């Protein structure tokens, strides 16, 4: 079994790895949230633009303005679709980062468990040695009292 100092080194390394994975996961989740916010903003802008167009259409618009509206709505729809792809990729990355964080956390917990077991084993061994010394001392005391 590895010594306690070796296990402590492994635990420290695993803790750093876990911290780094947590930071990457946080950044990935922030990217997902940012992507969703931008998506909602684009949808809101599209809806607002459509409402303004309906109001302008009620007042009467030229065929050129109608074509411009159609072209702009097409661009907005493309931007919304593109943002959905960005969100999809960000969510995929966040899933990968979550799995990496979980793996590093499991590794850290395994090393911690090994360390606790080693410490417990060392305590048992020390208690056994102490008991043996006390038994030997008691036996010597009994031998000299005769």
N, C-alpha and C. Protein backbone atom coordinates (compact mmCIF):
# COMPACT_ATOMS: atom_id res chain seq x y z
N UNK A 1 0.85 -1.18 0.00
CA UNK A 1 0.00 0.00 0.00
C UNK A 1 0.88 1.23 0.00
N UNK A 2 0.40 2.29 -0.64
CA UNK A 2 1.16 3.53 -0.73
C UNK A 2 1.26 4.18 0.65
N UNK A 3 2.35 4.92 0.84
CA UNK A 3 2.51 5.60 2.12
C UNK A 3 1.53 6.77 2.21
N UNK A 4 1.38 7.27 3.44
CA UNK A 4 0.42 8.36 3.66
C UNK A 4 0.83 9.61 2.88
N UNK A 5 2.13 9.90 2.81
CA UNK A 5 2.57 11.10 2.08
C UNK A 5 2.31 10.95 0.58
N UNK A 6 2.48 9.74 0.06
CA UNK A 6 2.17 9.50 -1.36
C UNK A 6 0.69 9.69 -1.62
N UNK A 7 -0.12 9.17 -0.71
CA UNK A 7 -1.57 9.33 -0.87
C UNK A 7 -1.96 10.80 -0.76
N UNK A 8 -1.33 11.53 0.15
CA UNK A 8 -1.63 12.96 0.28
C UNK A 8 -1.27 13.71 -1.00
N UNK A 9 -0.15 13.34 -1.62
CA UNK A 9 0.24 13.95 -2.89
C UNK A 9 -0.79 13.65 -3.96
N UNK A 10 -1.23 12.40 -4.03
CA UNK A 10 -2.25 12.02 -5.01
C UNK A 10 -3.56 12.76 -4.77
N UNK A 11 -3.91 12.92 -3.50
CA UNK A 11 -5.15 13.64 -3.16
C UNK A 11 -5.03 15.10 -3.59
N UNK A 12 -3.88 15.72 -3.35
CA UNK A 12 -3.69 17.12 -3.75
C UNK A 12 -3.79 17.26 -5.27
N UNK A 13 -3.14 16.35 -6.00
CA UNK A 13 -3.21 16.39 -7.46
C UNK A 13 -4.64 16.19 -7.95
N UNK A 14 -5.33 15.24 -7.34
CA UNK A 14 -6.72 14.98 -7.73
C UNK A 14 -7.60 16.17 -7.38
N UNK A 15 -7.30 16.84 -6.27
CA UNK A 15 -8.08 18.03 -5.89
C UNK A 15 -7.89 19.14 -6.92
N UNK A 16 -6.64 19.34 -7.36
CA UNK A 16 -6.38 20.36 -8.39
C UNK A 16 -7.11 20.01 -9.69
N UNK A 17 -7.05 18.73 -10.04
CA UNK A 17 -7.74 18.28 -11.26
C UNK A 17 -9.24 18.51 -11.15
N UNK A 18 -9.79 18.21 -9.99
CA UNK A 18 -11.22 18.41 -9.75
C UNK A 18 -11.57 19.89 -9.81
N UNK A 19 -10.74 20.73 -9.21
CA UNK A 19 -10.98 22.18 -9.24
C UNK A 19 -10.94 22.71 -10.68
N UNK A 20 -9.94 22.25 -11.45
CA UNK A 20 -9.85 22.68 -12.85
C UNK A 20 -11.08 22.22 -13.64
N UNK A 21 -11.50 20.98 -13.40
CA UNK A 21 -12.67 20.46 -14.09
C UNK A 21 -13.92 21.26 -13.70
N UNK A 22 -14.01 21.64 -12.43
CA UNK A 22 -15.16 22.43 -11.97
C UNK A 22 -15.17 23.81 -12.65
N UNK A 23 -13.98 24.40 -12.81
CA UNK A 23 -13.91 25.70 -13.49
C UNK A 23 -14.34 25.57 -14.95
N UNK A 24 -13.87 24.51 -15.61
CA UNK A 24 -14.26 24.30 -17.01
C UNK A 24 -15.77 24.04 -17.11
N UNK A 25 -16.31 23.28 -16.16
CA UNK A 25 -17.75 23.02 -16.15
C UNK A 25 -18.51 24.33 -15.95
N UNK A 26 -18.05 25.16 -15.04
CA UNK A 26 -18.70 26.45 -14.81
C UNK A 26 -18.70 27.31 -16.07
N UNK A 27 -17.56 27.32 -16.76
CA UNK A 27 -17.47 28.11 -18.00
C UNK A 27 -18.40 27.54 -19.07
N UNK A 28 -18.49 26.22 -19.15
CA UNK A 28 -19.37 25.58 -20.14
C UNK A 28 -20.84 25.88 -19.82
N UNK A 29 -21.20 25.83 -18.55
CA UNK A 29 -22.58 26.13 -18.16
C UNK A 29 -22.90 27.61 -18.41
N UNK A 30 -21.91 28.47 -18.19
CA UNK A 30 -22.11 29.90 -18.47
C UNK A 30 -22.31 30.12 -19.97
N UNK A 31 -21.58 29.37 -20.78
CA UNK A 31 -21.73 29.49 -22.24
C UNK A 31 -23.14 29.05 -22.66
N UNK A 32 -23.66 28.00 -22.02
CA UNK A 32 -25.02 27.54 -22.32
C UNK A 32 -26.02 28.64 -21.95
N UNK A 33 -25.87 29.19 -20.75
CA UNK A 33 -26.79 30.23 -20.30
C UNK A 33 -26.70 31.46 -21.21
N UNK A 34 -25.49 31.84 -21.59
CA UNK A 34 -25.30 32.98 -22.49
C UNK A 34 -25.95 32.72 -23.85
N UNK A 35 -25.76 31.51 -24.35
CA UNK A 35 -26.36 31.14 -25.64
C UNK A 35 -27.88 31.18 -25.58
N UNK A 36 -28.44 30.70 -24.49
CA UNK A 36 -29.90 30.72 -24.35
C UNK A 36 -30.41 32.16 -24.22
N UNK A 37 -29.66 32.99 -23.52
CA UNK A 37 -30.06 34.39 -23.38
C UNK A 37 -30.06 35.08 -24.75
N UNK A 38 -29.02 34.85 -25.54
CA UNK A 38 -28.95 35.45 -26.87
C UNK A 38 -30.07 34.92 -27.76
N UNK A 39 -30.39 33.63 -27.61
CA UNK A 39 -31.48 33.03 -28.38
C UNK A 39 -32.80 33.72 -28.04
N UNK A 40 -33.05 33.90 -26.76
CA UNK A 40 -34.29 34.58 -26.35
C UNK A 40 -34.32 36.02 -26.85
N UNK A 41 -33.15 36.67 -26.83
CA UNK A 41 -33.08 38.04 -27.31
C UNK A 41 -33.42 38.10 -28.81
N UNK A 42 -32.88 37.17 -29.58
CA UNK A 42 -33.17 37.13 -31.02
C UNK A 42 -34.66 36.87 -31.28
N UNK A 43 -35.24 35.95 -30.53
CA UNK A 43 -36.67 35.66 -30.69
C UNK A 43 -37.50 36.89 -30.34
N UNK A 44 -37.12 37.56 -29.26
CA UNK A 44 -37.83 38.77 -28.85
C UNK A 44 -37.72 39.85 -29.91
N UNK A 45 -36.52 40.00 -30.45
CA UNK A 45 -36.31 41.01 -31.49
C UNK A 45 -37.13 40.67 -32.73
N UNK A 46 -37.17 39.39 -33.08
CA UNK A 46 -37.95 38.94 -34.25
C UNK A 46 -39.44 39.25 -34.03
N UNK A 47 -39.95 38.92 -32.85
CA UNK A 47 -41.37 39.18 -32.55
C UNK A 47 -41.68 40.67 -32.59
N UNK A 48 -40.76 41.47 -32.01
CA UNK A 48 -40.97 42.92 -32.00
C UNK A 48 -40.95 43.48 -33.43
N UNK A 49 -40.03 42.99 -34.24
CA UNK A 49 -39.94 43.45 -35.62
C UNK A 49 -41.19 43.06 -36.40
N UNK A 50 -41.69 41.85 -36.14
CA UNK A 50 -42.91 41.41 -36.83
C UNK A 50 -44.10 42.29 -36.44
N UNK A 51 -44.18 42.67 -35.16
CA UNK A 51 -45.27 43.54 -34.72
C UNK A 51 -45.18 44.92 -35.38
N UNK A 52 -43.96 45.45 -35.45
CA UNK A 52 -43.78 46.75 -36.10
C UNK A 52 -44.14 46.66 -37.58
N UNK A 53 -43.79 45.54 -38.20
CA UNK A 53 -44.12 45.36 -39.61
C UNK A 53 -45.63 45.31 -39.81
N UNK A 54 -46.33 44.59 -38.93
CA UNK A 54 -47.79 44.50 -39.03
C UNK A 54 -48.42 45.88 -38.90
N UNK A 55 -47.89 46.70 -37.99
CA UNK A 55 -48.42 48.06 -37.81
C UNK A 55 -48.15 48.89 -39.07
N UNK A 56 -46.93 48.74 -39.63
CA UNK A 56 -46.61 49.48 -40.86
C UNK A 56 -47.44 48.97 -42.02
N UNK A 57 -47.71 47.69 -42.06
CA UNK A 57 -48.49 47.10 -43.15
C UNK A 57 -49.93 47.60 -43.10
N UNK A 58 -50.46 47.78 -41.91
CA UNK A 58 -51.82 48.30 -41.76
C UNK A 58 -51.90 49.73 -42.31
N UNK A 59 -50.79 50.45 -42.17
CA UNK A 59 -50.76 51.83 -42.69
C UNK A 59 -50.46 51.84 -44.18
N UNK A 60 -49.98 50.70 -44.71
CA UNK A 60 -49.64 50.58 -46.11
C UNK A 60 -48.14 50.66 -46.33
N UNK A 61 -47.60 49.67 -47.03
CA UNK A 61 -46.16 49.67 -47.31
C UNK A 61 -45.94 49.37 -48.78
N UNK A 62 -44.76 49.70 -49.21
CA UNK A 62 -44.40 49.48 -50.62
C UNK A 62 -43.94 48.04 -50.81
N UNK A 63 -44.00 47.54 -52.05
CA UNK A 63 -43.49 46.19 -52.31
C UNK A 63 -42.01 46.05 -51.93
N UNK A 64 -41.25 47.13 -52.10
CA UNK A 64 -39.83 47.09 -51.74
C UNK A 64 -39.66 46.91 -50.24
N UNK A 65 -40.46 47.60 -49.44
CA UNK A 65 -40.41 47.48 -47.98
C UNK A 65 -40.81 46.06 -47.56
N UNK A 66 -41.78 45.49 -48.29
CA UNK A 66 -42.21 44.12 -47.99
C UNK A 66 -41.06 43.14 -48.26
N UNK A 67 -40.37 43.31 -49.39
CA UNK A 67 -39.24 42.44 -49.72
C UNK A 67 -38.13 42.60 -48.68
N UNK A 68 -37.88 43.83 -48.28
CA UNK A 68 -36.86 44.08 -47.26
C UNK A 68 -37.22 43.38 -45.95
N UNK A 69 -38.51 43.46 -45.59
CA UNK A 69 -38.97 42.78 -44.38
C UNK A 69 -38.75 41.28 -44.50
N UNK A 70 -39.14 40.71 -45.63
CA UNK A 70 -38.99 39.27 -45.82
C UNK A 70 -37.51 38.87 -45.73
N UNK A 71 -36.64 39.66 -46.34
CA UNK A 71 -35.21 39.36 -46.32
C UNK A 71 -34.67 39.45 -44.89
N UNK A 72 -35.07 40.50 -44.18
CA UNK A 72 -34.58 40.66 -42.82
C UNK A 72 -35.10 39.56 -41.90
N UNK A 73 -36.37 39.18 -42.08
CA UNK A 73 -36.93 38.08 -41.27
C UNK A 73 -36.19 36.78 -41.56
N UNK A 74 -35.84 36.57 -42.82
CA UNK A 74 -35.06 35.39 -43.18
C UNK A 74 -33.71 35.39 -42.48
N UNK A 75 -33.07 36.55 -42.44
CA UNK A 75 -31.78 36.65 -41.74
C UNK A 75 -31.93 36.41 -40.24
N UNK A 76 -33.02 36.96 -39.67
CA UNK A 76 -33.27 36.73 -38.25
C UNK A 76 -33.53 35.25 -37.97
N UNK A 77 -34.30 34.61 -38.84
CA UNK A 77 -34.57 33.17 -38.68
C UNK A 77 -33.27 32.37 -38.77
N UNK A 78 -32.40 32.76 -39.71
CA UNK A 78 -31.10 32.08 -39.81
C UNK A 78 -30.26 32.29 -38.56
N UNK A 79 -30.30 33.51 -38.02
CA UNK A 79 -29.56 33.80 -36.80
C UNK A 79 -30.10 32.98 -35.62
N UNK A 80 -31.42 32.85 -35.56
CA UNK A 80 -32.04 32.05 -34.50
C UNK A 80 -31.64 30.59 -34.63
N UNK A 81 -31.68 30.07 -35.86
CA UNK A 81 -31.27 28.68 -36.10
C UNK A 81 -29.80 28.49 -35.74
N UNK A 82 -28.96 29.44 -36.13
CA UNK A 82 -27.55 29.37 -35.79
C UNK A 82 -27.33 29.40 -34.29
N UNK A 83 -28.10 30.21 -33.60
CA UNK A 83 -27.96 30.29 -32.14
C UNK A 83 -28.42 28.99 -31.49
N UNK A 84 -29.42 28.34 -32.06
CA UNK A 84 -29.84 27.04 -31.54
C UNK A 84 -28.71 26.02 -31.67
N UNK A 85 -27.97 26.09 -32.76
CA UNK A 85 -26.82 25.21 -32.95
C UNK A 85 -25.73 25.52 -31.92
N UNK A 86 -25.51 26.80 -31.67
CA UNK A 86 -24.52 27.20 -30.66
C UNK A 86 -24.92 26.63 -29.31
N UNK A 87 -26.19 26.74 -28.98
CA UNK A 87 -26.69 26.20 -27.71
C UNK A 87 -26.50 24.69 -27.66
N UNK A 88 -26.82 24.02 -28.75
CA UNK A 88 -26.67 22.56 -28.80
C UNK A 88 -25.22 22.15 -28.55
N UNK A 89 -24.30 22.84 -29.21
CA UNK A 89 -22.87 22.53 -29.02
C UNK A 89 -22.42 22.87 -27.60
N UNK A 90 -22.90 23.97 -27.06
CA UNK A 90 -22.53 24.37 -25.70
C UNK A 90 -23.06 23.36 -24.68
N UNK A 91 -24.28 22.87 -24.91
CA UNK A 91 -24.84 21.86 -24.00
C UNK A 91 -24.06 20.54 -24.08
N UNK A 92 -23.64 20.18 -25.29
CA UNK A 92 -22.83 18.97 -25.47
C UNK A 92 -21.51 19.11 -24.71
N UNK A 93 -20.87 20.27 -24.87
CA UNK A 93 -19.60 20.52 -24.18
C UNK A 93 -19.81 20.51 -22.67
N UNK A 94 -20.91 21.10 -22.21
CA UNK A 94 -21.21 21.12 -20.77
C UNK A 94 -21.40 19.69 -20.26
N UNK A 95 -22.02 18.84 -21.05
CA UNK A 95 -22.18 17.43 -20.66
C UNK A 95 -20.84 16.73 -20.55
N UNK A 96 -19.95 17.02 -21.49
CA UNK A 96 -18.61 16.43 -21.44
C UNK A 96 -17.84 16.93 -20.23
N UNK A 97 -17.94 18.21 -19.96
CA UNK A 97 -17.23 18.78 -18.81
C UNK A 97 -17.80 18.24 -17.50
N UNK A 98 -19.11 18.02 -17.46
CA UNK A 98 -19.72 17.45 -16.26
C UNK A 98 -19.21 16.04 -16.03
N UNK A 99 -19.12 15.25 -17.10
CA UNK A 99 -18.60 13.89 -16.98
C UNK A 99 -17.14 13.90 -16.53
N UNK A 100 -16.36 14.84 -17.06
CA UNK A 100 -14.95 14.95 -16.66
C UNK A 100 -14.84 15.34 -15.19
N UNK A 101 -15.68 16.27 -14.75
CA UNK A 101 -15.67 16.68 -13.34
C UNK A 101 -16.06 15.51 -12.44
N UNK A 102 -17.09 14.76 -12.84
CA UNK A 102 -17.52 13.62 -12.03
C UNK A 102 -16.42 12.58 -11.94
N UNK A 103 -15.72 12.33 -13.04
CA UNK A 103 -14.64 11.35 -13.04
C UNK A 103 -13.51 11.80 -12.12
N UNK A 104 -13.14 13.06 -12.20
CA UNK A 104 -12.06 13.55 -11.35
C UNK A 104 -12.48 13.57 -9.88
N UNK A 105 -13.73 13.86 -9.62
CA UNK A 105 -14.23 13.83 -8.24
C UNK A 105 -14.24 12.41 -7.69
N UNK A 106 -14.63 11.44 -8.53
CA UNK A 106 -14.58 10.03 -8.10
C UNK A 106 -13.15 9.62 -7.76
N UNK A 107 -12.21 10.05 -8.60
CA UNK A 107 -10.81 9.71 -8.37
C UNK A 107 -10.34 10.32 -7.04
N UNK A 108 -10.69 11.58 -6.82
CA UNK A 108 -10.30 12.25 -5.58
C UNK A 108 -10.90 11.53 -4.37
N UNK A 109 -12.16 11.16 -4.48
CA UNK A 109 -12.82 10.45 -3.38
C UNK A 109 -12.18 9.09 -3.14
N UNK A 110 -11.77 8.42 -4.20
CA UNK A 110 -11.11 7.12 -4.06
C UNK A 110 -9.80 7.27 -3.30
N UNK A 111 -9.02 8.28 -3.66
CA UNK A 111 -7.76 8.51 -2.96
C UNK A 111 -8.00 8.88 -1.50
N UNK A 112 -9.03 9.67 -1.26
CA UNK A 112 -9.37 10.04 0.12
C UNK A 112 -9.76 8.81 0.92
N UNK A 113 -10.55 7.93 0.30
CA UNK A 113 -10.95 6.69 0.98
C UNK A 113 -9.73 5.83 1.27
N UNK A 114 -8.83 5.71 0.31
CA UNK A 114 -7.60 4.94 0.53
C UNK A 114 -6.78 5.54 1.67
N UNK A 115 -6.71 6.85 1.71
CA UNK A 115 -5.96 7.54 2.76
C UNK A 115 -6.58 7.25 4.12
N UNK A 116 -7.90 7.32 4.20
CA UNK A 116 -8.58 7.05 5.48
C UNK A 116 -8.35 5.60 5.91
N UNK A 117 -8.42 4.69 4.95
CA UNK A 117 -8.17 3.28 5.28
C UNK A 117 -6.74 3.08 5.77
N UNK A 118 -5.79 3.74 5.10
CA UNK A 118 -4.38 3.60 5.51
C UNK A 118 -4.18 4.19 6.90
N UNK A 119 -4.81 5.31 7.20
CA UNK A 119 -4.68 5.92 8.52
C UNK A 119 -5.30 5.02 9.58
N UNK A 120 -6.44 4.44 9.26
CA UNK A 120 -7.10 3.52 10.20
C UNK A 120 -6.23 2.29 10.43
N UNK A 121 -5.65 1.77 9.37
CA UNK A 121 -4.77 0.61 9.48
C UNK A 121 -3.55 0.94 10.33
N UNK A 122 -2.99 2.13 10.14
CA UNK A 122 -1.84 2.56 10.94
C UNK A 122 -2.22 2.68 12.41
N UNK A 123 -3.42 3.20 12.68
CA UNK A 123 -3.88 3.30 14.07
C UNK A 123 -4.05 1.92 14.70
N UNK A 124 -4.61 1.01 13.93
CA UNK A 124 -4.78 -0.36 14.44
C UNK A 124 -3.43 -1.00 14.74
N UNK A 125 -2.46 -0.80 13.84
CA UNK A 125 -1.13 -1.35 14.01
C UNK A 125 -0.46 -0.74 15.25
N UNK A 126 -0.63 0.57 15.42
CA UNK A 126 -0.05 1.24 16.58
C UNK A 126 -0.70 0.75 17.87
N UNK A 127 -2.02 0.58 17.84
CA UNK A 127 -2.73 0.08 19.02
C UNK A 127 -2.26 -1.34 19.35
N UNK A 128 -2.03 -2.13 18.32
CA UNK A 128 -1.54 -3.50 18.53
C UNK A 128 -0.16 -3.48 19.17
N UNK A 129 0.74 -2.60 18.67
CA UNK A 129 2.08 -2.47 19.23
C UNK A 129 2.02 -2.01 20.68
N UNK A 130 1.17 -1.01 20.96
CA UNK A 130 1.02 -0.52 22.33
C UNK A 130 0.53 -1.63 23.25
N UNK A 131 -0.44 -2.40 22.76
CA UNK A 131 -0.97 -3.50 23.57
C UNK A 131 0.11 -4.54 23.85
N UNK A 132 0.91 -4.83 22.83
CA UNK A 132 2.00 -5.81 22.99
C UNK A 132 3.01 -5.31 24.00
N UNK A 133 3.36 -4.02 23.93
CA UNK A 133 4.31 -3.45 24.88
C UNK A 133 3.76 -3.50 26.30
N UNK A 134 2.48 -3.17 26.43
CA UNK A 134 1.87 -3.22 27.77
C UNK A 134 1.83 -4.64 28.30
N UNK A 135 1.53 -5.60 27.44
CA UNK A 135 1.52 -7.01 27.86
C UNK A 135 2.92 -7.45 28.29
N UNK A 136 3.93 -7.07 27.51
CA UNK A 136 5.31 -7.42 27.87
C UNK A 136 5.71 -6.77 29.19
N UNK A 137 5.33 -5.52 29.36
CA UNK A 137 5.64 -4.80 30.60
C UNK A 137 4.95 -5.47 31.79
N UNK A 138 3.69 -5.82 31.60
CA UNK A 138 2.94 -6.48 32.68
C UNK A 138 3.56 -7.84 32.98
N UNK A 139 4.00 -8.56 31.93
CA UNK A 139 4.61 -9.87 32.15
C UNK A 139 5.92 -9.71 32.91
N UNK A 140 6.73 -8.71 32.57
CA UNK A 140 7.99 -8.47 33.28
C UNK A 140 7.71 -8.10 34.74
N UNK A 141 6.73 -7.27 34.96
CA UNK A 141 6.37 -6.86 36.32
C UNK A 141 5.96 -8.09 37.14
N UNK A 142 5.17 -8.94 36.53
CA UNK A 142 4.72 -10.15 37.24
C UNK A 142 5.90 -11.07 37.50
N UNK A 143 6.82 -11.17 36.57
CA UNK A 143 7.99 -12.04 36.73
C UNK A 143 8.90 -11.54 37.85
N UNK A 144 9.12 -10.23 37.94
CA UNK A 144 10.01 -9.69 38.97
C UNK A 144 9.37 -9.65 40.35
N UNK A 145 8.05 -9.69 40.43
CA UNK A 145 7.36 -9.67 41.71
C UNK A 145 7.46 -11.03 42.39
N UNK A 146 7.76 -12.06 41.71
CA UNK A 146 7.84 -13.39 42.33
C UNK A 146 8.96 -13.52 43.26
